[in-house]
Amino acid sequence: MLLKGEASIVADPSGEAYVIPVGNPGLATPGTGDVLSGVITAQLAKGLGATDAACLGGYLHGLAADLAARIATGTEGMIASDLFEFLPQAVERLKGDEDDEEMQ
């Protein structure tokens, strides 16, 4: 289960909980939860287990929102479709293939 919020939380059936330390208030707009569901489903399709898929999907979703807010939209103007532009950058950043200059 993933509880979406300022700091999203993933809980697994064993009672373990994981805090996702990225994301911002711009995610409180219609459609961003649908994007999150798609990102998690993509991780499941790659073969990750449910908890790992929720953690990774939630992290990528929040990181994409942070990138969008800092580089393009701010948090007030963010809409769900803005996340699509920044999801590839979030993946590259997580892999360590991109400079951190944009985030500073």
PDB file of N, CA and C in Angstrom:
ATOM      1  N   MET A   1       0.849  -1.158   0.000  1.00  0.00           N
ATOM      2  CA  MET A   1       0.000   0.000   0.000  1.00  0.00           C
ATOM      3  C   MET A   1       0.904   1.232   0.000  1.00  0.00           C
ATOM      4  N   LEU A   2       0.490   2.234  -0.782  1.00  0.00           N
ATOM      5  CA  LEU A   2       1.216   3.491  -0.812  1.00  0.00           C
ATOM      6  C   LEU A   2       0.255   4.604  -0.413  1.00  0.00           C
ATOM      7  N   LEU A   3       0.619   5.340   0.611  1.00  0.00           N
ATOM      8  CA  LEU A   3      -0.149   6.496   1.059  1.00  0.00           C
ATOM      9  C   LEU A   3       0.542   7.720   0.486  1.00  0.00           C
ATOM     10  N   LYS A   4      -0.108   8.344  -0.491  1.00  0.00           N
ATOM     11  CA  LYS A   4       0.476   9.492  -1.187  1.00  0.00           C
ATOM     12  C   LYS A   4       0.275  10.741  -0.347  1.00  0.00           C
ATOM     13  N   GLY A   5       1.362  11.457  -0.115  1.00  0.00           N
ATOM     14  CA  GLY A   5       1.303  12.690   0.649  1.00  0.00           C
ATOM     15  C   GLY A   5       2.589  13.464   0.485  1.00  0.00           C
ATOM     16  N   GLU A   6       2.792  14.488   1.313  1.00  0.00           N
ATOM     17  CA  GLU A   6       4.014  15.286   1.218  1.00  0.00           C
ATOM     18  C   GLU A   6       5.244  14.393   1.331  1.00  0.00           C
ATOM     19  N   ALA A   7       5.201  13.460   2.237  1.00  0.00           N
ATOM     20  CA  ALA A   7       6.187  12.378   2.293  1.00  0.00           C
ATOM     21  C   ALA A   7       5.381  11.097   2.175  1.00  0.00           C
ATOM     22  N   SER A   8       5.390  10.486   1.005  1.00  0.00           N
ATOM     23  CA  SER A   8       4.596   9.276   0.797  1.00  0.00           C
ATOM     24  C   SER A   8       5.166   8.128   1.623  1.00  0.00           C
ATOM     25  N   ILE A   9       4.295   7.204   1.982  1.00  0.00           N
ATOM     26  CA  ILE A   9       4.689   6.060   2.807  1.00  0.00           C
ATOM     27  C   ILE A   9       4.211   4.781   2.126  1.00  0.00           C
ATOM     28  N   VAL A  10       5.110   3.813   2.029  1.00  0.00           N
ATOM     29  CA  VAL A  10       4.774   2.492   1.505  1.00  0.00           C
ATOM     30  C   VAL A  10       4.776   1.531   2.681  1.00  0.00           C
ATOM     31  N   ALA A  11       3.722   0.741   2.809  1.00  0.00           N
ATOM     32  CA  ALA A  11       3.648  -0.286   3.857  1.00  0.00           C
ATOM     33  C   ALA A  11       3.450  -1.636   3.185  1.00  0.00           C
ATOM     34  N   ASP A  12       4.174  -2.635   3.656  1.00  0.00           N
ATOM     35  CA  ASP A  12       4.010  -3.970   3.080  1.00  0.00           C
ATOM     36  C   ASP A  12       3.242  -4.869   4.046  1.00  0.00           C
ATOM     37  N   PRO A  13       2.823  -6.039   3.586  1.00  0.00           N
ATOM     38  CA  PRO A  13       1.998  -6.918   4.415  1.00  0.00           C
ATOM     39  C   PRO A  13       2.656  -7.359   5.727  1.00  0.00           C
ATOM     40  N   SER A  14       3.989  -7.326   5.790  1.00  0.00           N
ATOM     41  CA  SER A  14       4.658  -7.756   7.021  1.00  0.00           C
ATOM     42  C   SER A  14       4.653  -6.672   8.096  1.00  0.00           C
ATOM     43  N   GLY A  15       4.203  -5.462   7.725  1.00  0.00           N
ATOM     44  CA  GLY A  15       4.179  -4.363   8.679  1.00  0.00           C
ATOM     45  C   GLY A  15       5.325  -3.386   8.526  1.00  0.00           C
ATOM     46  N   GLU A  16       6.250  -3.679   7.629  1.00  0.00           N
ATOM     47  CA  GLU A  16       7.347  -2.744   7.361  1.00  0.00           C
ATOM     48  C   GLU A  16       6.792  -1.513   6.650  1.00  0.00           C
ATOM     49  N   ALA A  17       7.361  -0.353   6.961  1.00  0.00           N
ATOM     50  CA  ALA A  17       6.951   0.888   6.312  1.00  0.00           C
ATOM     51  C   ALA A  17       8.189   1.614   5.806  1.00  0.00           C
ATOM     52  N   TYR A  18       8.043   2.266   4.667  1.00  0.00           N
ATOM     53  CA  TYR A  18       9.135   2.981   4.020  1.00  0.00           C
ATOM     54  C   TYR A  18       8.666   4.378   3.666  1.00  0.00           C
ATOM     55  N   VAL A  19       9.463   5.382   4.006  1.00  0.00           N
ATOM     56  CA  VAL A  19       9.123   6.770   3.706  1.00  0.00           C
ATOM     57  C   VAL A  19       9.847   7.172   2.426  1.00  0.00           C
ATOM     58  N   ILE A  20       9.108   7.778   1.522  1.00  0.00           N
ATOM     59  CA  ILE A  20       9.675   8.273   0.265  1.00  0.00           C
ATOM     60  C   ILE A  20       9.956   9.765   0.462  1.00  0.00           C
ATOM     61  N   PRO A  21      11.225  10.160   0.489  1.00  0.00           N
ATOM     62  CA  PRO A  21      11.595  11.517   0.905  1.00  0.00           C
ATOM     63  C   PRO A  21      11.583  12.577  -0.199  1.00  0.00           C
ATOM     64  N   VAL A  22      10.902  12.317  -1.292  1.00  0.00           N
ATOM     65  CA  VAL A  22      10.827  13.284  -2.384  1.00  0.00           C
ATOM     66  C   VAL A  22       9.363  13.551  -2.715  1.00  0.00           C
ATOM     67  N   GLY A  23       9.120  14.633  -3.431  1.00  0.00           N
ATOM     68  CA  GLY A  23       7.759  15.026  -3.788  1.00  0.00           C
ATOM     69  C   GLY A  23       7.480  16.402  -3.222  1.00  0.00           C
ATOM     70  N   ASN A  24       6.389  16.995  -3.650  1.00  0.00           N
ATOM     71  CA  ASN A  24       6.070  18.347  -3.224  1.00  0.00           C
ATOM     72  C   ASN A  24       4.568  18.596  -3.363  1.00  0.00           C
ATOM     73  N   PRO A  25       4.073  19.734  -2.899  1.00  0.00           N
ATOM     74  CA  PRO A  25       2.639  20.017  -2.961  1.00  0.00           C
ATOM     75  C   PRO A  25       2.068  20.077  -4.373  1.00  0.00           C
ATOM     76  N   GLY A  26       2.913  20.224  -5.384  1.00  0.00           N
ATOM     77  CA  GLY A  26       2.422  20.212  -6.753  1.00  0.00           C
ATOM     78  C   GLY A  26       1.757  18.905  -7.139  1.00  0.00           C
ATOM     79  N   LEU A  27       2.034  17.847  -6.385  1.00  0.00           N
ATOM     80  CA  LEU A  27       1.422  16.546  -6.654  1.00  0.00           C
ATOM     81  C   LEU A  27      -0.030  16.466  -6.188  1.00  0.00           C
ATOM     82  N   ALA A  28      -0.504  17.506  -5.518  1.00  0.00           N
ATOM     83  CA  ALA A  28      -1.897  17.517  -5.048  1.00  0.00           C
ATOM     84  C   ALA A  28      -2.807  18.105  -6.120  1.00  0.00           C
ATOM     85  N   THR A  29      -2.637  17.617  -7.341  1.00  0.00           N
ATOM     86  CA  THR A  29      -3.469  18.059  -8.457  1.00  0.00           C
ATOM     87  C   THR A  29      -4.087  16.837  -9.120  1.00  0.00           C
ATOM     88  N   PRO A  30      -5.226  17.019  -9.766  1.00  0.00           N
ATOM     89  CA  PRO A  30      -5.895  15.884 -10.409  1.00  0.00           C
ATOM     90  C   PRO A  30      -4.998  15.185 -11.425  1.00  0.00           C
ATOM     91  N   GLY A  31      -5.011  13.881 -11.376  1.00  0.00           N
ATOM     92  CA  GLY A  31      -4.284  13.076 -12.350  1.00  0.00           C
ATOM     93  C   GLY A  31      -2.920  12.604 -11.913  1.00  0.00           C
ATOM     94  N   THR A  32      -2.333  13.244 -10.889  1.00  0.00           N
ATOM     95  CA  THR A  32      -0.991  12.814 -10.498  1.00  0.00           C
ATOM     96  C   THR A  32      -1.010  11.414  -9.875  1.00  0.00           C
ATOM     97  N   GLY A  33      -2.097  11.056  -9.239  1.00  0.00           N
ATOM     98  CA  GLY A  33      -2.219   9.701  -8.704  1.00  0.00           C
ATOM     99  C   GLY A  33      -2.297   8.666  -9.819  1.00  0.00           C
ATOM    100  N   ASP A  34      -2.912   9.052 -10.930  1.00  0.00           N
ATOM    101  CA  ASP A  34      -2.957   8.156 -12.090  1.00  0.00           C
ATOM    102  C   ASP A  34      -1.557   7.946 -12.659  1.00  0.00           C
ATOM    103  N   VAL A  35      -0.779   9.024 -12.703  1.00  0.00           N
ATOM    104  CA  VAL A  35       0.605   8.903 -13.164  1.00  0.00           C
ATOM    105  C   VAL A  35       1.376   7.979 -12.218  1.00  0.00           C
ATOM    106  N   LEU A  36       1.187   8.166 -10.923  1.00  0.00           N
ATOM    107  CA  LEU A  36       1.843   7.310  -9.936  1.00  0.00           C
ATOM    108  C   LEU A  36       1.473   5.845 -10.155  1.00  0.00           C
ATOM    109  N   SER A  37       0.211   5.559 -10.376  1.00  0.00           N
ATOM    110  CA  SER A  37      -0.225   4.181 -10.627  1.00  0.00           C
ATOM    111  C   SER A  37       0.466   3.595 -11.852  1.00  0.00           C
ATOM    112  N   GLY A  38       0.611   4.415 -12.893  1.00  0.00           N
ATOM    113  CA  GLY A  38       1.292   3.955 -14.099  1.00  0.00           C
ATOM    114  C   GLY A  38       2.761   3.679 -13.875  1.00  0.00           C
ATOM    115  N   VAL A  39       3.411   4.524 -13.100  1.00  0.00           N
ATOM    116  CA  VAL A  39       4.842   4.322 -12.823  1.00  0.00           C
ATOM    117  C   VAL A  39       5.037   3.048 -11.997  1.00  0.00           C
ATOM    118  N   ILE A  40       4.186   2.829 -11.030  1.00  0.00           N
ATOM    119  CA  ILE A  40       4.279   1.600 -10.218  1.00  0.00           C
ATOM    120  C   ILE A  40       3.992   0.373 -11.078  1.00  0.00           C
ATOM    121  N   THR A  41       2.978   0.448 -11.920  1.00  0.00           N
ATOM    122  CA  THR A  41       2.641  -0.681 -12.795  1.00  0.00           C
ATOM    123  C   THR A  41       3.792  -1.008 -13.739  1.00  0.00           C
ATOM    124  N   ALA A  42       4.479   0.021 -14.225  1.00  0.00           N
ATOM    125  CA  ALA A  42       5.646  -0.214 -15.084  1.00  0.00           C
ATOM    126  C   ALA A  42       6.723  -0.990 -14.336  1.00  0.00           C
ATOM    127  N   GLN A  43       6.899  -0.689 -13.058  1.00  0.00           N
ATOM    128  CA  GLN A  43       7.906  -1.410 -12.261  1.00  0.00           C
ATOM    129  C   GLN A  43       7.487  -2.864 -12.047  1.00  0.00           C
ATOM    130  N   LEU A  44       6.196  -3.078 -11.847  1.00  0.00           N
ATOM    131  CA  LEU A  44       5.692  -4.452 -11.722  1.00  0.00           C
ATOM    132  C   LEU A  44       5.921  -5.220 -13.026  1.00  0.00           C
ATOM    133  N   ALA A  45       5.684  -4.549 -14.156  1.00  0.00           N
ATOM    134  CA  ALA A  45       5.870  -5.188 -15.464  1.00  0.00           C
ATOM    135  C   ALA A  45       7.329  -5.556 -15.700  1.00  0.00           C
ATOM    136  N   LYS A  46       8.244  -4.842 -15.071  1.00  0.00           N
ATOM    137  CA  LYS A  46       9.673  -5.160 -15.185  1.00  0.00           C
ATOM    138  C   LYS A  46      10.070  -6.328 -14.293  1.00  0.00           C
ATOM    139  N   GLY A  47       9.142  -6.791 -13.457  1.00  0.00           N
ATOM    140  CA  GLY A  47       9.414  -7.954 -12.633  1.00  0.00           C
ATOM    141  C   GLY A  47       9.687  -7.675 -11.171  1.00  0.00           C
ATOM    142  N   LEU A  48       9.595  -6.407 -10.747  1.00  0.00           N
ATOM    143  CA  LEU A  48       9.797  -6.111  -9.327  1.00  0.00           C
ATOM    144  C   LEU A  48       8.620  -6.625  -8.511  1.00  0.00           C
ATOM    145  N   GLY A  49       8.876  -6.952  -7.268  1.00  0.00           N
ATOM    146  CA  GLY A  49       7.802  -7.309  -6.354  1.00  0.00           C
ATOM    147  C   GLY A  49       6.983  -6.076  -6.005  1.00  0.00           C
ATOM    148  N   ALA A  50       5.840  -6.286  -5.401  1.00  0.00           N
ATOM    149  CA  ALA A  50       4.911  -5.191  -5.135  1.00  0.00           C
ATOM    150  C   ALA A  50       5.506  -4.089  -4.261  1.00  0.00           C
ATOM    151  N   THR A  51       6.181  -4.462  -3.185  1.00  0.00           N
ATOM    152  CA  THR A  51       6.748  -3.444  -2.289  1.00  0.00           C
ATOM    153  C   THR A  51       7.850  -2.658  -2.981  1.00  0.00           C
ATOM    154  N   ASP A  52       8.742  -3.361  -3.656  1.00  0.00           N
ATOM    155  CA  ASP A  52       9.821  -2.676  -4.372  1.00  0.00           C
ATOM    156  C   ASP A  52       9.266  -1.788  -5.477  1.00  0.00           C
ATOM    157  N   ALA A  53       8.259  -2.258  -6.189  1.00  0.00           N
ATOM    158  CA  ALA A  53       7.653  -1.464  -7.258  1.00  0.00           C
ATOM    159  C   ALA A  53       7.003  -0.205  -6.698  1.00  0.00           C
ATOM    160  N   ALA A  54       6.329  -0.330  -5.566  1.00  0.00           N
ATOM    161  CA  ALA A  54       5.696   0.835  -4.950  1.00  0.00           C
ATOM    162  C   ALA A  54       6.741   1.832  -4.464  1.00  0.00           C
ATOM    163  N   CYS A  55       7.816   1.340  -3.861  1.00  0.00           N
ATOM    164  CA  CYS A  55       8.879   2.236  -3.379  1.00  0.00           C
ATOM    165  C   CYS A  55       9.575   2.934  -4.538  1.00  0.00           C
ATOM    166  N   LEU A  56       9.977   2.178  -5.545  1.00  0.00           N
ATOM    167  CA  LEU A  56      10.678   2.767  -6.683  1.00  0.00           C
ATOM    168  C   LEU A  56       9.746   3.684  -7.477  1.00  0.00           C
ATOM    169  N   GLY A  57       8.533   3.225  -7.730  1.00  0.00           N
ATOM    170  CA  GLY A  57       7.580   4.051  -8.471  1.00  0.00           C
ATOM    171  C   GLY A  57       7.263   5.340  -7.736  1.00  0.00           C
ATOM    172  N   GLY A  58       7.061   5.251  -6.434  1.00  0.00           N
ATOM    173  CA  GLY A  58       6.795   6.445  -5.637  1.00  0.00           C
ATOM    174  C   GLY A  58       7.970   7.400  -5.625  1.00  0.00           C
ATOM    175  N   TYR A  59       9.170   6.849  -5.567  1.00  0.00           N
ATOM    176  CA  TYR A  59      10.366   7.693  -5.563  1.00  0.00           C
ATOM    177  C   TYR A  59      10.526   8.402  -6.906  1.00  0.00           C
ATOM    178  N   LEU A  60      10.393   7.679  -7.997  1.00  0.00           N
ATOM    179  CA  LEU A  60      10.526   8.290  -9.321  1.00  0.00           C
ATOM    180  C   LEU A  60       9.458   9.361  -9.544  1.00  0.00           C
ATOM    181  N   HIS A  61       8.251   9.085  -9.124  1.00  0.00           N
ATOM    182  CA  HIS A  61       7.135  10.030  -9.242  1.00  0.00           C
ATOM    183  C   HIS A  61       7.438  11.315  -8.474  1.00  0.00           C
ATOM    184  N   GLY A  62       7.883  11.177  -7.236  1.00  0.00           N
ATOM    185  CA  GLY A  62       8.202  12.343  -6.425  1.00  0.00           C
ATOM    186  C   GLY A  62       9.407  13.108  -6.953  1.00  0.00           C
ATOM    187  N   LEU A  63      10.415  12.387  -7.418  1.00  0.00           N
ATOM    188  CA  LEU A  63      11.599  13.033  -7.974  1.00  0.00           C
ATOM    189  C   LEU A  63      11.254  13.790  -9.246  1.00  0.00           C
ATOM    190  N   ALA A  64      10.418  13.203 -10.097  1.00  0.00           N
ATOM    191  CA  ALA A  64       9.981  13.900 -11.313  1.00  0.00           C
ATOM    192  C   ALA A  64       9.249  15.187 -10.942  1.00  0.00           C
ATOM    193  N   ALA A  65       8.441  15.146  -9.907  1.00  0.00           N
ATOM    194  CA  ALA A  65       7.730  16.348  -9.454  1.00  0.00           C
ATOM    195  C   ALA A  65       8.709  17.391  -8.924  1.00  0.00           C
ATOM    196  N   ASP A  66       9.709  16.958  -8.199  1.00  0.00           N
ATOM    197  CA  ASP A  66      10.713  17.900  -7.689  1.00  0.00           C
ATOM    198  C   ASP A  66      11.483  18.544  -8.837  1.00  0.00           C
ATOM    199  N   LEU A  67      11.840  17.748  -9.838  1.00  0.00           N
ATOM    200  CA  LEU A  67      12.531  18.301 -11.004  1.00  0.00           C
ATOM    201  C   LEU A  67      11.642  19.294 -11.736  1.00  0.00           C
ATOM    202  N   ALA A  68      10.387  18.933 -11.952  1.00  0.00           N
ATOM    203  CA  ALA A  68       9.460  19.821 -12.645  1.00  0.00           C
ATOM    204  C   ALA A  68       9.302  21.132 -11.891  1.00  0.00           C
ATOM    205  N   ALA A  69       9.167  21.045 -10.579  1.00  0.00           N
ATOM    206  CA  ALA A  69       8.970  22.256  -9.770  1.00  0.00           C
ATOM    207  C   ALA A  69      10.190  23.165  -9.833  1.00  0.00           C
ATOM    208  N   ARG A  70      11.372  22.581  -9.782  1.00  0.00           N
ATOM    209  CA  ARG A  70      12.594  23.395  -9.756  1.00  0.00           C
ATOM    210  C   ARG A  70      12.988  23.932 -11.119  1.00  0.00           C
ATOM    211  N   ILE A  71      12.705  23.180 -12.160  1.00  0.00           N
ATOM    212  CA  ILE A  71      13.189  23.550 -13.485  1.00  0.00           C
ATOM    213  C   ILE A  71      12.136  24.275 -14.318  1.00  0.00           C
ATOM    214  N   ALA A  72      10.862  23.910 -14.160  1.00  0.00           N
ATOM    215  CA  ALA A  72       9.873  24.389 -15.120  1.00  0.00           C
ATOM    216  C   ALA A  72       8.644  25.061 -14.526  1.00  0.00           C
ATOM    217  N   THR A  73       7.948  24.412 -13.639  1.00  0.00           N
ATOM    218  CA  THR A  73       6.583  24.836 -13.323  1.00  0.00           C
ATOM    219  C   THR A  73       6.394  25.503 -11.975  1.00  0.00           C
ATOM    220  N   GLY A  74       7.299  25.275 -11.031  1.00  0.00           N
ATOM    221  CA  GLY A  74       6.992  25.614  -9.645  1.00  0.00           C
ATOM    222  C   GLY A  74       5.960  24.624  -9.138  1.00  0.00           C
ATOM    223  N   THR A  75       5.590  24.737  -7.880  1.00  0.00           N
ATOM    224  CA  THR A  75       4.599  23.789  -7.350  1.00  0.00           C
ATOM    225  C   THR A  75       3.174  24.243  -7.632  1.00  0.00           C
ATOM    226  N   GLU A  76       2.953  25.535  -7.752  1.00  0.00           N
ATOM    227  CA  GLU A  76       1.598  26.050  -7.955  1.00  0.00           C
ATOM    228  C   GLU A  76       1.055  25.735  -9.343  1.00  0.00           C
ATOM    229  N   GLY A  77       1.926  25.733 -10.342  1.00  0.00           N
ATOM    230  CA  GLY A  77       1.457  25.549 -11.704  1.00  0.00           C
ATOM    231  C   GLY A  77       1.568  24.140 -12.240  1.00  0.00           C
ATOM    232  N   MET A  78       1.998  23.204 -11.413  1.00  0.00           N
ATOM    233  CA  MET A  78       2.219  21.842 -11.875  1.00  0.00           C
ATOM    234  C   MET A  78       0.907  21.133 -12.179  1.00  0.00           C
ATOM    235  N   ILE A  79       0.905  20.426 -13.301  1.00  0.00           N
ATOM    236  CA  ILE A  79      -0.220  19.547 -13.627  1.00  0.00           C
ATOM    237  C   ILE A  79       0.341  18.155 -13.907  1.00  0.00           C
ATOM    238  N   ALA A  80      -0.530  17.173 -13.900  1.00  0.00           N
ATOM    239  CA  ALA A  80      -0.088  15.781 -14.013  1.00  0.00           C
ATOM    240  C   ALA A  80       0.768  15.540 -15.252  1.00  0.00           C
ATOM    241  N   SER A  81       0.409  16.132 -16.376  1.00  0.00           N
ATOM    242  CA  SER A  81       1.166  15.878 -17.606  1.00  0.00           C
ATOM    243  C   SER A  81       2.590  16.418 -17.540  1.00  0.00           C
ATOM    244  N   ASP A  82       2.861  17.362 -16.642  1.00  0.00           N
ATOM    245  CA  ASP A  82       4.237  17.854 -16.480  1.00  0.00           C
ATOM    246  C   ASP A  82       5.175  16.746 -16.028  1.00  0.00           C
ATOM    247  N   LEU A  83       4.649  15.783 -15.313  1.00  0.00           N
ATOM    248  CA  LEU A  83       5.494  14.706 -14.792  1.00  0.00           C
ATOM    249  C   LEU A  83       6.098  13.865 -15.908  1.00  0.00           C
ATOM    250  N   PHE A  84       5.365  13.721 -17.027  1.00  0.00           N
ATOM    251  CA  PHE A  84       5.871  12.890 -18.126  1.00  0.00           C
ATOM    252  C   PHE A  84       7.179  13.432 -18.687  1.00  0.00           C
ATOM    253  N   GLU A  85       7.323  14.741 -18.728  1.00  0.00           N
ATOM    254  CA  GLU A  85       8.546  15.346 -19.246  1.00  0.00           C
ATOM    255  C   GLU A  85       9.738  15.046 -18.346  1.00  0.00           C
ATOM    256  N   PHE A  86       9.485  14.938 -17.042  1.00  0.00           N
ATOM    257  CA  PHE A  86      10.591  14.808 -16.091  1.00  0.00           C
ATOM    258  C   PHE A  86      10.817  13.392 -15.581  1.00  0.00           C
ATOM    259  N   LEU A  87       9.948  12.444 -15.901  1.00  0.00           N
ATOM    260  CA  LEU A  87      10.182  11.059 -15.481  1.00  0.00           C
ATOM    261  C   LEU A  87      11.469  10.478 -16.073  1.00  0.00           C
ATOM    262  N   PRO A  88      11.760  10.697 -17.363  1.00  0.00           N
ATOM    263  CA  PRO A  88      13.038  10.172 -17.876  1.00  0.00           C
ATOM    264  C   PRO A  88      14.244  10.767 -17.153  1.00  0.00           C
ATOM    265  N   GLN A  89      14.176  12.042 -16.823  1.00  0.00           N
ATOM    266  CA  GLN A  89      15.283  12.667 -16.091  1.00  0.00           C
ATOM    267  C   GLN A  89      15.406  12.072 -14.687  1.00  0.00           C
ATOM    268  N   ALA A  90      14.277  11.772 -14.076  1.00  0.00           N
ATOM    269  CA  ALA A  90      14.296  11.161 -12.743  1.00  0.00           C
ATOM    270  C   ALA A  90      14.968   9.793 -12.797  1.00  0.00           C
ATOM    271  N   VAL A  91      14.654   9.014 -13.822  1.00  0.00           N
ATOM    272  CA  VAL A  91      15.270   7.692 -13.981  1.00  0.00           C
ATOM    273  C   VAL A  91      16.773   7.844 -14.165  1.00  0.00           C
ATOM    274  N   GLU A  92      17.191   8.750 -15.029  1.00  0.00           N
ATOM    275  CA  GLU A  92      18.622   8.956 -15.275  1.00  0.00           C
ATOM    276  C   GLU A  92      19.334   9.434 -14.016  1.00  0.00           C
ATOM    277  N   ARG A  93      18.694  10.324 -13.273  1.00  0.00           N
ATOM    278  CA  ARG A  93      19.291  10.836 -12.034  1.00  0.00           C
ATOM    279  C   ARG A  93      19.460   9.693 -11.026  1.00  0.00           C
ATOM    280  N   LEU A  94      18.462   8.835 -10.934  1.00  0.00           N
ATOM    281  CA  LEU A  94      18.534   7.711 -10.001  1.00  0.00           C
ATOM    282  C   LEU A  94      19.655   6.752 -10.399  1.00  0.00           C
ATOM    283  N   LYS A  95      19.852   6.580 -11.696  1.00  0.00           N
ATOM    284  CA  LYS A  95      20.936   5.725 -12.185  1.00  0.00           C
ATOM    285  C   LYS A  95      22.290   6.402 -12.038  1.00  0.00           C
ATOM    286  N   GLY A  96      22.289   7.721 -11.767  1.00  0.00           N
ATOM    287  CA  GLY A  96      23.536   8.444 -11.619  1.00  0.00           C
ATOM    288  C   GLY A  96      24.133   8.886 -12.931  1.00  0.00           C
ATOM    289  N   ASP A  97      23.317   8.922 -14.008  1.00  0.00           N
ATOM    290  CA  ASP A  97      23.813   9.270 -15.335  1.00  0.00           C
ATOM    291  C   ASP A  97      23.670  10.744 -15.673  1.00  0.00           C
ATOM    292  N   GLU A  98      23.189  11.557 -14.755  1.00  0.00           N
ATOM    293  CA  GLU A  98      22.930  12.959 -15.066  1.00  0.00           C
ATOM    294  C   GLU A  98      23.546  13.837 -14.003  1.00  0.00           C
ATOM    295  N   ASP A  99      24.025  15.010 -14.403  1.00  0.00           N
ATOM    296  CA  ASP A  99      24.595  15.971 -13.457  1.00  0.00           C
ATOM    297  C   ASP A  99      23.533  16.463 -12.496  1.00  0.00           C
ATOM    298  N   ASP A 100      23.956  16.907 -11.316  1.00  0.00           N
ATOM    299  CA  ASP A 100      23.046  17.451 -10.331  1.00  0.00           C
ATOM    300  C   ASP A 100      22.941  18.967 -10.407  1.00  0.00           C
ATOM    301  N   GLU A 101      23.528  19.611 -11.411  1.00  0.00           N
ATOM    302  CA  GLU A 101      23.509  21.051 -11.508  1.00  0.00           C
ATOM    303  C   GLU A 101      22.080  21.608 -11.512  1.00  0.00           C
ATOM    304  N   GLU A 102      21.171  20.939 -12.216  1.00  0.00           N
ATOM    305  CA  GLU A 102      19.805  21.438 -12.323  1.00  0.00           C
ATOM    306  C   GLU A 102      19.083  21.459 -10.985  1.00  0.00           C
ATOM    307  N   MET A 103      19.462  20.573 -10.075  1.00  0.00           N
ATOM    308  CA  MET A 103      18.759  20.462  -8.809  1.00  0.00           C
ATOM    309  C   MET A 103      19.263  21.474  -7.783  1.00  0.00           C
ATOM    310  N   GLN A 104      20.379  22.124  -8.032  1.00  0.00           N
ATOM    311  CA  GLN A 104      20.957  23.031  -7.050  1.00  0.00           C
ATOM    312  C   GLN A 104      20.403  24.420  -7.201  1.00  0.00           C
TER     313      GLN A 104
END
